[in-house]
């Protein structure tokens, strides 16, 4: 069986829908400087810096 490679997104895109390393869905609401504002599917809103964004291992959830 051929395995597909997962491609993690290094730079967040406003309006982009992603899944983090736990499988949770999130949307990038805004990016200002090195801060990324995220909203999870459950309604939780949080801010992370760009280094912590990359530690989420985000992958595109929709194409």
PDB file of N, CA and C in Angstrom:
ATOM      1  N   UNK A   1       0.831  -1.171   0.000  1.00  0.00           N
ATOM      2  CA  UNK A   1       0.000   0.000   0.000  1.00  0.00           C
ATOM      3  C   UNK A   1       0.877   1.237   0.000  1.00  0.00           C
ATOM      4  N   UNK A   2       0.576   2.161  -0.877  1.00  0.00           N
ATOM      5  CA  UNK A   2       1.349   3.397  -0.986  1.00  0.00           C
ATOM      6  C   UNK A   2       0.915   4.359   0.107  1.00  0.00           C
ATOM      7  N   UNK A   3       1.884   4.923   0.812  1.00  0.00           N
ATOM      8  CA  UNK A   3       1.595   5.865   1.870  1.00  0.00           C
ATOM      9  C   UNK A   3       1.762   7.280   1.335  1.00  0.00           C
ATOM     10  N   UNK A   4       0.805   8.139   1.639  1.00  0.00           N
ATOM     11  CA  UNK A   4       0.886   9.526   1.222  1.00  0.00           C
ATOM     12  C   UNK A   4       1.703  10.322   2.223  1.00  0.00           C
ATOM     13  N   UNK A   5       2.522  11.210   1.721  1.00  0.00           N
ATOM     14  CA  UNK A   5       3.308  12.062   2.600  1.00  0.00           C
ATOM     15  C   UNK A   5       2.434  13.200   3.104  1.00  0.00           C
ATOM     16  N   UNK A   6       2.541  13.505   4.381  1.00  0.00           N
ATOM     17  CA  UNK A   6       1.818  14.629   4.970  1.00  0.00           C
ATOM     18  C   UNK A   6       2.688  15.862   4.795  1.00  0.00           C
ATOM     19  N   UNK A   7       2.086  16.913   4.329  1.00  0.00           N
ATOM     20  CA  UNK A   7       2.837  18.142   4.140  1.00  0.00           C
ATOM     21  C   UNK A   7       2.384  19.171   5.166  1.00  0.00           C
ATOM     22  N   UNK A   8       3.276  19.537   6.053  1.00  0.00           N
ATOM     23  CA  UNK A   8       2.980  20.533   7.058  1.00  0.00           C
ATOM     24  C   UNK A   8       3.187  21.916   6.462  1.00  0.00           C
ATOM     25  N   UNK A   9       2.376  22.856   6.926  1.00  0.00           N
ATOM     26  CA  UNK A   9       2.404  24.216   6.410  1.00  0.00           C
ATOM     27  C   UNK A   9       3.284  25.063   7.314  1.00  0.00           C
ATOM     28  N   UNK A  10       4.321  25.661   6.739  1.00  0.00           N
ATOM     29  CA  UNK A  10       5.250  26.443   7.541  1.00  0.00           C
ATOM     30  C   UNK A  10       4.720  27.835   7.858  1.00  0.00           C
ATOM     31  N   UNK A  11       4.049  28.459   6.896  1.00  0.00           N
ATOM     32  CA  UNK A  11       3.535  29.811   7.083  1.00  0.00           C
ATOM     33  C   UNK A  11       2.014  29.791   7.068  1.00  0.00           C
ATOM     34  N   UNK A  12       1.367  30.380   8.082  1.00  0.00           N
ATOM     35  CA  UNK A  12      -0.094  30.404   8.130  1.00  0.00           C
ATOM     36  C   UNK A  12      -0.677  31.360   7.097  1.00  0.00           C
ATOM     37  N   UNK A  13      -1.840  31.009   6.571  1.00  0.00           N
ATOM     38  CA  UNK A  13      -2.549  31.854   5.610  1.00  0.00           C
ATOM     39  C   UNK A  13      -3.891  32.222   6.231  1.00  0.00           C
ATOM     40  N   UNK A  14      -4.192  33.509   6.306  1.00  0.00           N
ATOM     41  CA  UNK A  14      -5.453  33.969   6.872  1.00  0.00           C
ATOM     42  C   UNK A  14      -6.611  33.347   6.101  1.00  0.00           C
ATOM     43  N   UNK A  15      -7.553  32.772   6.840  1.00  0.00           N
ATOM     44  CA  UNK A  15      -8.702  32.105   6.241  1.00  0.00           C
ATOM     45  C   UNK A  15      -8.451  30.637   5.951  1.00  0.00           C
ATOM     46  N   UNK A  16      -7.213  30.206   6.105  1.00  0.00           N
ATOM     47  CA  UNK A  16      -6.868  28.805   5.856  1.00  0.00           C
ATOM     48  C   UNK A  16      -7.435  27.891   6.922  1.00  0.00           C
ATOM     49  N   UNK A  17      -7.898  26.720   6.494  1.00  0.00           N
ATOM     50  CA  UNK A  17      -8.435  25.718   7.412  1.00  0.00           C
ATOM     51  C   UNK A  17      -7.398  24.600   7.525  1.00  0.00           C
ATOM     52  N   UNK A  18      -7.017  24.304   8.759  1.00  0.00           N
ATOM     53  CA  UNK A  18      -5.942  23.351   9.016  1.00  0.00           C
ATOM     54  C   UNK A  18      -6.365  22.327  10.059  1.00  0.00           C
ATOM     55  N   UNK A  19      -5.566  21.283  10.182  1.00  0.00           N
ATOM     56  CA  UNK A  19      -5.648  20.339  11.299  1.00  0.00           C
ATOM     57  C   UNK A  19      -4.298  20.392  12.003  1.00  0.00           C
ATOM     58  N   UNK A  20      -4.345  20.406  13.329  1.00  0.00           N
ATOM     59  CA  UNK A  20      -3.087  20.395  14.072  1.00  0.00           C
ATOM     60  C   UNK A  20      -2.659  18.957  14.349  1.00  0.00           C
ATOM     61  N   UNK A  21      -1.567  18.790  15.085  1.00  0.00           N
ATOM     62  CA  UNK A  21      -1.007  17.455  15.316  1.00  0.00           C
ATOM     63  C   UNK A  21      -1.940  16.536  16.090  1.00  0.00           C
ATOM     64  N   UNK A  22      -2.951  17.096  16.773  1.00  0.00           N
ATOM     65  CA  UNK A  22      -3.917  16.267  17.501  1.00  0.00           C
ATOM     66  C   UNK A  22      -5.139  15.929  16.660  1.00  0.00           C
ATOM     67  N   UNK A  23      -5.207  16.508  15.442  1.00  0.00           N
ATOM     68  CA  UNK A  23      -6.347  16.267  14.566  1.00  0.00           C
ATOM     69  C   UNK A  23      -7.440  17.305  14.702  1.00  0.00           C
ATOM     70  N   UNK A  24      -7.251  18.292  15.570  1.00  0.00           N
ATOM     71  CA  UNK A  24      -8.248  19.350  15.758  1.00  0.00           C
ATOM     72  C   UNK A  24      -8.250  20.306  14.573  1.00  0.00           C
ATOM     73  N   UNK A  25      -9.448  20.708  14.148  1.00  0.00           N
ATOM     74  CA  UNK A  25      -9.581  21.657  13.042  1.00  0.00           C
ATOM     75  C   UNK A  25      -9.478  23.081  13.573  1.00  0.00           C
ATOM     76  N   UNK A  26      -8.840  23.937  12.790  1.00  0.00           N
ATOM     77  CA  UNK A  26      -8.701  25.338  13.170  1.00  0.00           C
ATOM     78  C   UNK A  26      -8.652  26.216  11.935  1.00  0.00           C
ATOM     79  N   UNK A  27      -8.964  27.488  12.141  1.00  0.00           N
ATOM     80  CA  UNK A  27      -8.903  28.500  11.082  1.00  0.00           C
ATOM     81  C   UNK A  27      -7.942  29.582  11.535  1.00  0.00           C
ATOM     82  N   UNK A  28      -7.118  30.065  10.614  1.00  0.00           N
ATOM     83  CA  UNK A  28      -6.258  31.207  10.906  1.00  0.00           C
ATOM     84  C   UNK A  28      -7.105  32.464  10.694  1.00  0.00           C
ATOM     85  N   UNK A  29      -7.331  33.207  11.772  1.00  0.00           N
ATOM     86  CA  UNK A  29      -8.173  34.398  11.726  1.00  0.00           C
ATOM     87  C   UNK A  29      -7.371  35.619  11.304  1.00  0.00           C
ATOM     88  N   UNK A  30      -6.139  35.735  11.815  1.00  0.00           N
ATOM     89  CA  UNK A  30      -5.313  36.893  11.497  1.00  0.00           C
ATOM     90  C   UNK A  30      -3.856  36.578  11.786  1.00  0.00           C
ATOM     91  N   UNK A  31      -2.975  37.275  11.101  1.00  0.00           N
ATOM     92  CA  UNK A  31      -1.540  37.191  11.351  1.00  0.00           C
ATOM     93  C   UNK A  31      -1.033  38.623  11.447  1.00  0.00           C
ATOM     94  N   UNK A  32      -0.422  38.956  12.599  1.00  0.00           N
ATOM     95  CA  UNK A  32       0.136  40.290  12.799  1.00  0.00           C
ATOM     96  C   UNK A  32       1.539  40.113  13.346  1.00  0.00           C
ATOM     97  N   UNK A  33       2.519  40.553  12.568  1.00  0.00           N
ATOM     98  CA  UNK A  33       3.910  40.365  12.974  1.00  0.00           C
ATOM     99  C   UNK A  33       4.210  38.891  13.096  1.00  0.00           C
ATOM    100  N   UNK A  34       4.636  38.467  14.282  1.00  0.00           N
ATOM    101  CA  UNK A  34       4.918  37.039  14.490  1.00  0.00           C
ATOM    102  C   UNK A  34       3.821  36.349  15.298  1.00  0.00           C
ATOM    103  N   UNK A  35       2.660  36.994  15.437  1.00  0.00           N
ATOM    104  CA  UNK A  35       1.524  36.430  16.181  1.00  0.00           C
ATOM    105  C   UNK A  35       0.462  35.914  15.219  1.00  0.00           C
ATOM    106  N   UNK A  36      -0.073  34.727  15.533  1.00  0.00           N
ATOM    107  CA  UNK A  36      -1.092  34.086  14.709  1.00  0.00           C
ATOM    108  C   UNK A  36      -2.337  33.891  15.572  1.00  0.00           C
ATOM    109  N   UNK A  37      -3.468  34.461  15.150  1.00  0.00           N
ATOM    110  CA  UNK A  37      -4.734  34.308  15.859  1.00  0.00           C
ATOM    111  C   UNK A  37      -5.486  33.130  15.258  1.00  0.00           C
ATOM    112  N   UNK A  38      -5.812  32.148  16.104  1.00  0.00           N
ATOM    113  CA  UNK A  38      -6.450  30.907  15.654  1.00  0.00           C
ATOM    114  C   UNK A  38      -7.815  30.753  16.291  1.00  0.00           C
ATOM    115  N   UNK A  39      -8.749  30.171  15.551  1.00  0.00           N
ATOM    116  CA  UNK A  39     -10.035  29.775  16.112  1.00  0.00           C
ATOM    117  C   UNK A  39     -10.235  28.307  15.804  1.00  0.00           C
ATOM    118  N   UNK A  40     -10.408  27.515  16.875  1.00  0.00           N
ATOM    119  CA  UNK A  40     -10.649  26.088  16.726  1.00  0.00           C
ATOM    120  C   UNK A  40     -12.123  25.828  16.449  1.00  0.00           C
ATOM    121  N   UNK A  41     -12.436  24.663  15.918  1.00  0.00           N
ATOM    122  CA  UNK A  41     -13.800  24.290  15.563  1.00  0.00           C
ATOM    123  C   UNK A  41     -14.734  24.324  16.771  1.00  0.00           C
ATOM    124  N   UNK A  42     -14.194  24.121  17.972  1.00  0.00           N
ATOM    125  CA  UNK A  42     -15.025  24.141  19.180  1.00  0.00           C
ATOM    126  C   UNK A  42     -15.265  25.555  19.703  1.00  0.00           C
ATOM    127  N   UNK A  43     -14.752  26.563  18.989  1.00  0.00           N
ATOM    128  CA  UNK A  43     -14.966  27.958  19.370  1.00  0.00           C
ATOM    129  C   UNK A  43     -13.836  28.583  20.152  1.00  0.00           C
ATOM    130  N   UNK A  44     -12.869  27.801  20.578  1.00  0.00           N
ATOM    131  CA  UNK A  44     -11.725  28.333  21.322  1.00  0.00           C
ATOM    132  C   UNK A  44     -10.900  29.246  20.417  1.00  0.00           C
ATOM    133  N   UNK A  45     -10.570  30.423  20.942  1.00  0.00           N
ATOM    134  CA  UNK A  45      -9.721  31.369  20.215  1.00  0.00           C
ATOM    135  C   UNK A  45      -8.427  31.514  20.993  1.00  0.00           C
ATOM    136  N   UNK A  46      -7.316  31.456  20.279  1.00  0.00           N
ATOM    137  CA  UNK A  46      -6.009  31.552  20.930  1.00  0.00           C
ATOM    138  C   UNK A  46      -5.028  32.252  19.999  1.00  0.00           C
ATOM    139  N   UNK A  47      -3.965  32.753  20.577  1.00  0.00           N
ATOM    140  CA  UNK A  47      -2.883  33.378  19.818  1.00  0.00           C
ATOM    141  C   UNK A  47      -1.599  32.604  20.085  1.00  0.00           C
ATOM    142  N   UNK A  48      -0.865  32.323  19.018  1.00  0.00           N
ATOM    143  CA  UNK A  48       0.441  31.680  19.153  1.00  0.00           C
ATOM    144  C   UNK A  48       1.453  32.481  18.354  1.00  0.00           C
ATOM    145  N   UNK A  49       2.713  32.380  18.737  1.00  0.00           N
ATOM    146  CA  UNK A  49       3.727  33.015  17.896  1.00  0.00           C
ATOM    147  C   UNK A  49       4.093  32.049  16.770  1.00  0.00           C
ATOM    148  N   UNK A  50       4.807  32.529  15.804  1.00  0.00           N
ATOM    149  CA  UNK A  50       5.081  31.752  14.591  1.00  0.00           C
ATOM    150  C   UNK A  50       5.855  30.470  14.916  1.00  0.00           C
ATOM    151  N   UNK A  51       6.729  30.491  15.924  1.00  0.00           N
ATOM    152  CA  UNK A  51       7.468  29.284  16.301  1.00  0.00           C
ATOM    153  C   UNK A  51       6.521  28.221  16.843  1.00  0.00           C
ATOM    154  N   UNK A  52       5.558  28.638  17.666  1.00  0.00           N
ATOM    155  CA  UNK A  52       4.588  27.680  18.202  1.00  0.00           C
ATOM    156  C   UNK A  52       3.606  27.221  17.130  1.00  0.00           C
ATOM    157  N   UNK A  53       3.324  28.045  16.141  1.00  0.00           N
ATOM    158  CA  UNK A  53       2.507  27.627  14.997  1.00  0.00           C
ATOM    159  C   UNK A  53       3.153  26.410  14.343  1.00  0.00           C
ATOM    160  N   UNK A  54       4.427  26.478  14.120  1.00  0.00           N
ATOM    161  CA  UNK A  54       5.122  25.377  13.465  1.00  0.00           C
ATOM    162  C   UNK A  54       5.126  24.119  14.335  1.00  0.00           C
ATOM    163  N   UNK A  55       5.091  24.262  15.661  1.00  0.00           N
ATOM    164  CA  UNK A  55       5.054  23.115  16.566  1.00  0.00           C
ATOM    165  C   UNK A  55       3.691  22.424  16.582  1.00  0.00           C
ATOM    166  N   UNK A  56       2.665  23.083  16.020  1.00  0.00           N
ATOM    167  CA  UNK A  56       1.342  22.450  15.858  1.00  0.00           C
ATOM    168  C   UNK A  56       1.361  21.449  14.721  1.00  0.00           C
ATOM    169  N   UNK A  57       2.401  21.489  13.879  1.00  0.00           N
ATOM    170  CA  UNK A  57       2.512  20.654  12.688  1.00  0.00           C
ATOM    171  C   UNK A  57       1.217  20.749  11.857  1.00  0.00           C
ATOM    172  N   UNK A  58       0.832  21.984  11.522  1.00  0.00           N
ATOM    173  CA  UNK A  58      -0.436  22.170  10.804  1.00  0.00           C
ATOM    174  C   UNK A  58      -0.375  21.613   9.392  1.00  0.00           C
ATOM    175  N   UNK A  59      -1.472  20.988   8.994  1.00  0.00           N
ATOM    176  CA  UNK A  59      -1.601  20.518   7.618  1.00  0.00           C
ATOM    177  C   UNK A  59      -2.935  21.006   7.086  1.00  0.00           C
ATOM    178  N   UNK A  60      -2.984  21.239   5.796  1.00  0.00           N
ATOM    179  CA  UNK A  60      -4.227  21.714   5.176  1.00  0.00           C
ATOM    180  C   UNK A  60      -5.338  20.700   5.398  1.00  0.00           C
ATOM    181  N   UNK A  61      -6.508  21.198   5.807  1.00  0.00           N
ATOM    182  CA  UNK A  61      -7.649  20.322   6.033  1.00  0.00           C
ATOM    183  C   UNK A  61      -8.579  20.311   4.830  1.00  0.00           C
ATOM    184  N   UNK A  62      -8.496  21.331   4.000  1.00  0.00           N
ATOM    185  CA  UNK A  62      -9.359  21.431   2.821  1.00  0.00           C
ATOM    186  C   UNK A  62      -8.505  21.892   1.653  1.00  0.00           C
ATOM    187  N   UNK A  63      -8.862  21.423   0.463  1.00  0.00           N
ATOM    188  CA  UNK A  63      -8.113  21.799  -0.736  1.00  0.00           C
ATOM    189  C   UNK A  63      -8.957  22.649  -1.636  1.00  0.00           C
TER     190      UNK A  63
END
